Amino acid sequence: MTTTQQTQQKIFARRKARIRAKISGTPERPRLAVFKSHKYIYAQIIDDTKGHTLASSDSRETTGKKPVERAKEVGISIAKKALAAKISKVVFDRGGYLYAGKIKVVADAAREGGLQF
């Protein structure tokens, strides 16, 4: 691993820790956490007081061709599952990623699906 990669990983870890220090999911407003791997995108709704995942969705279940299309399907899917679990308000946790691209698409699709941030 090069020095640049190590620096980027440290910056990402610091950003993620800073966000998680401010955001916590409660039973009234659980946390909508987004994780992005190189191949897939995952979203889950978490109650941090109990440490339980209430609903989850990922792009392995989707049919979209482009990554942005799959991210939109994940957002819509997580919103449907949340509403089925009687969750309408959440706190959005971008997980250290910049609020752009696929992360923004997931958030916008979840709002379209009926979730309130």
C-alpha atoms as a PDB file:
ATOM      1  CA  MET A   1       0.000   0.000   0.000  1.00  0.00           C
ATOM      2  CA  THR A   2       1.367   3.382  -0.899  1.00  0.00           C
ATOM      3  CA  THR A   3       1.578   6.367   1.374  1.00  0.00           C
ATOM      4  CA  THR A   4      -1.183   8.134  -0.573  1.00  0.00           C
ATOM      5  CA  GLN A   5      -3.579   5.236  -0.047  1.00  0.00           C
ATOM      6  CA  GLN A   6      -2.812   5.152   3.672  1.00  0.00           C
ATOM      7  CA  THR A   7      -3.447   8.879   3.926  1.00  0.00           C
ATOM      8  CA  GLN A   8      -6.753   8.561   2.066  1.00  0.00           C
ATOM      9  CA  GLN A   9      -7.838   5.721   4.354  1.00  0.00           C
ATOM     10  CA  LYS A  10      -6.993   7.791   7.436  1.00  0.00           C
ATOM     11  CA  ILE A  11      -8.958  10.763   6.095  1.00  0.00           C
ATOM     12  CA  PHE A  12     -11.942   8.511   5.356  1.00  0.00           C
ATOM     13  CA  ALA A  13     -11.782   6.889   8.807  1.00  0.00           C
ATOM     14  CA  ARG A  14     -11.630  10.294  10.514  1.00  0.00           C
ATOM     15  CA  ARG A  15     -14.585  11.582   8.491  1.00  0.00           C
ATOM     16  CA  LYS A  16     -16.618   8.457   9.272  1.00  0.00           C
ATOM     17  CA  ALA A  17     -15.868   8.696  13.007  1.00  0.00           C
ATOM     18  CA  ARG A  18     -16.785  12.396  13.048  1.00  0.00           C
ATOM     19  CA  ILE A  19     -20.153  11.656  11.422  1.00  0.00           C
ATOM     20  CA  ARG A  20     -20.939   8.703  13.723  1.00  0.00           C
ATOM     21  CA  ALA A  21     -20.135  10.801  16.802  1.00  0.00           C
ATOM     22  CA  LYS A  22     -22.984  13.141  15.866  1.00  0.00           C
ATOM     23  CA  ILE A  23     -25.535  10.646  14.499  1.00  0.00           C
ATOM     24  CA  SER A  24     -27.311   7.935  16.467  1.00  0.00           C
ATOM     25  CA  GLY A  25     -30.457   5.973  15.715  1.00  0.00           C
ATOM     26  CA  THR A  26     -33.265   5.907  18.260  1.00  0.00           C
ATOM     27  CA  PRO A  27     -36.490   3.868  18.262  1.00  0.00           C
ATOM     28  CA  GLU A  28     -38.376   6.999  17.093  1.00  0.00           C
ATOM     29  CA  ARG A  29     -35.795   7.954  14.415  1.00  0.00           C
ATOM     30  CA  PRO A  30     -33.585   5.009  13.462  1.00  0.00           C
ATOM     31  CA  ARG A  31     -30.396   5.490  11.457  1.00  0.00           C
ATOM     32  CA  LEU A  32     -30.383   4.848   7.698  1.00  0.00           C
ATOM     33  CA  ALA A  33     -26.788   3.725   7.117  1.00  0.00           C
ATOM     34  CA  VAL A  34     -25.328   3.419   3.614  1.00  0.00           C
ATOM     35  CA  PHE A  35     -22.277   1.320   2.717  1.00  0.00           C
ATOM     36  CA  LYS A  36     -20.670   1.251  -0.680  1.00  0.00           C
ATOM     37  CA  SER A  37     -18.310  -1.481  -1.852  1.00  0.00           C
ATOM     38  CA  HIS A  38     -16.622  -1.513  -5.229  1.00  0.00           C
ATOM     39  CA  LYS A  39     -19.349  -3.733  -6.636  1.00  0.00           C
ATOM     40  CA  TYR A  40     -22.522  -3.185  -4.588  1.00  0.00           C
ATOM     41  CA  ILE A  41     -24.317  -0.628  -2.437  1.00  0.00           C
ATOM     42  CA  TYR A  42     -26.053  -1.519   0.817  1.00  0.00           C
ATOM     43  CA  ALA A  43     -28.563   0.334   2.995  1.00  0.00           C
ATOM     44  CA  GLN A  44     -29.904  -0.633   6.379  1.00  0.00           C
ATOM     45  CA  ILE A  45     -32.091   0.946   9.022  1.00  0.00           C
ATOM     46  CA  ILE A  46     -30.616   0.498  12.497  1.00  0.00           C
ATOM     47  CA  ASP A  47     -31.890   1.137  16.029  1.00  0.00           C
ATOM     48  CA  ASP A  48     -28.643   1.929  17.856  1.00  0.00           C
ATOM     49  CA  THR A  49     -30.153   1.740  21.340  1.00  0.00           C
ATOM     50  CA  LYS A  50     -30.855  -1.997  20.896  1.00  0.00           C
ATOM     51  CA  GLY A  51     -28.252  -2.599  18.206  1.00  0.00           C
ATOM     52  CA  HIS A  52     -30.815  -4.164  15.870  1.00  0.00           C
ATOM     53  CA  THR A  53     -31.189  -3.877  12.122  1.00  0.00           C
ATOM     54  CA  LEU A  54     -34.841  -3.149  11.378  1.00  0.00           C
ATOM     55  CA  ALA A  55     -34.716  -3.282   7.562  1.00  0.00           C
ATOM     56  CA  SER A  56     -32.053  -3.751   4.922  1.00  0.00           C
ATOM     57  CA  SER A  57     -31.620  -3.672   1.180  1.00  0.00           C
ATOM     58  CA  ASP A  58     -28.735  -4.011  -1.238  1.00  0.00           C
ATOM     59  CA  SER A  59     -27.978  -3.804  -4.933  1.00  0.00           C
ATOM     60  CA  ARG A  60     -27.478  -7.562  -5.267  1.00  0.00           C
ATOM     61  CA  GLU A  61     -31.299  -7.776  -5.405  1.00  0.00           C
ATOM     62  CA  THR A  62     -31.698  -5.137  -8.130  1.00  0.00           C
ATOM     63  CA  THR A  63     -31.995  -5.354 -11.900  1.00  0.00           C
ATOM     64  CA  GLY A  64     -30.561  -1.993 -13.012  1.00  0.00           C
ATOM     65  CA  LYS A  65     -27.740  -1.917 -15.538  1.00  0.00           C
ATOM     66  CA  LYS A  66     -25.864   1.157 -14.309  1.00  0.00           C
ATOM     67  CA  PRO A  67     -24.634   1.718 -10.732  1.00  0.00           C
ATOM     68  CA  VAL A  68     -26.790   4.839 -10.339  1.00  0.00           C
ATOM     69  CA  GLU A  69     -29.893   2.898 -11.412  1.00  0.00           C
ATOM     70  CA  ARG A  70     -29.103   0.171  -8.877  1.00  0.00           C
ATOM     71  CA  ALA A  71     -28.583   2.809  -6.158  1.00  0.00           C
ATOM     72  CA  LYS A  72     -32.005   4.292  -6.922  1.00  0.00           C
ATOM     73  CA  GLU A  73     -33.613   0.857  -6.644  1.00  0.00           C
ATOM     74  CA  VAL A  74     -31.897   0.323  -3.274  1.00  0.00           C
ATOM     75  CA  GLY A  75     -33.299   3.635  -2.004  1.00  0.00           C
ATOM     76  CA  ILE A  76     -36.822   2.816  -3.122  1.00  0.00           C
ATOM     77  CA  SER A  77     -36.570  -0.708  -1.714  1.00  0.00           C
ATOM     78  CA  ILE A  78     -35.351   0.418   1.705  1.00  0.00           C
ATOM     79  CA  ALA A  79     -38.156   2.993   1.862  1.00  0.00           C
ATOM     80  CA  LYS A  80     -40.782   0.319   1.116  1.00  0.00           C
ATOM     81  CA  LYS A  81     -39.348  -2.012   3.753  1.00  0.00           C
ATOM     82  CA  ALA A  82     -39.180   0.818   6.302  1.00  0.00           C
ATOM     83  CA  LEU A  83     -42.783   1.838   5.711  1.00  0.00           C
ATOM     84  CA  ALA A  84     -43.821  -1.816   6.021  1.00  0.00           C
ATOM     85  CA  ALA A  85     -42.054  -1.850   9.418  1.00  0.00           C
ATOM     86  CA  LYS A  86     -43.952   1.355  10.349  1.00  0.00           C
ATOM     87  CA  ILE A  87     -40.854   3.576  10.156  1.00  0.00           C
ATOM     88  CA  SER A  88     -41.371   6.937   8.475  1.00  0.00           C
ATOM     89  CA  LYS A  89     -38.657   9.167   9.970  1.00  0.00           C
ATOM     90  CA  VAL A  90     -34.956   8.322   9.882  1.00  0.00           C
ATOM     91  CA  VAL A  91     -31.558   9.931  10.385  1.00  0.00           C
ATOM     92  CA  PHE A  92     -29.326   9.603   7.311  1.00  0.00           C
ATOM     93  CA  ASP A  93     -25.807   8.268   7.886  1.00  0.00           C
ATOM     94  CA  ARG A  94     -23.690   8.636   4.772  1.00  0.00           C
ATOM     95  CA  GLY A  95     -20.958   6.545   6.367  1.00  0.00           C
ATOM     96  CA  GLY A  96     -18.038   8.829   5.617  1.00  0.00           C
ATOM     97  CA  TYR A  97     -18.793   9.021   1.901  1.00  0.00           C
ATOM     98  CA  LEU A  98     -19.298  12.376   0.270  1.00  0.00           C
ATOM     99  CA  TYR A  99     -22.951  13.278  -0.282  1.00  0.00           C
ATOM    100  CA  ALA A 100     -22.772  12.940  -4.052  1.00  0.00           C
ATOM    101  CA  GLY A 101     -23.270  10.330  -6.738  1.00  0.00           C
ATOM    102  CA  LYS A 102     -24.726   7.009  -5.605  1.00  0.00           C
ATOM    103  CA  ILE A 103     -25.063   8.104  -1.971  1.00  0.00           C
ATOM    104  CA  LYS A 104     -27.184  11.102  -2.973  1.00  0.00           C
ATOM    105  CA  VAL A 105     -29.261   8.933  -5.324  1.00  0.00           C
ATOM    106  CA  VAL A 106     -30.031   6.469  -2.499  1.00  0.00           C
ATOM    107  CA  ALA A 107     -31.099   9.329  -0.222  1.00  0.00           C
ATOM    108  CA  ASP A 108     -33.270  10.990  -2.878  1.00  0.00           C
ATOM    109  CA  ALA A 109     -34.922   7.666  -3.805  1.00  0.00           C
ATOM    110  CA  ALA A 110     -35.644   6.922  -0.144  1.00  0.00           C
ATOM    111  CA  ARG A 111     -37.284  10.347   0.178  1.00  0.00           C
ATOM    112  CA  GLU A 112     -39.342   9.635  -2.952  1.00  0.00           C
ATOM    113  CA  GLY A 113     -40.350   6.311  -1.389  1.00  0.00           C
ATOM    114  CA  GLY A 114     -41.815   8.130   1.615  1.00  0.00           C
ATOM    115  CA  LEU A 115     -39.065   8.376   4.220  1.00  0.00           C
ATOM    116  CA  GLN A 116     -38.470  11.683   6.001  1.00  0.00           C
ATOM    117  CA  PHE A 117     -34.950  12.720   6.919  1.00  0.00           C
END
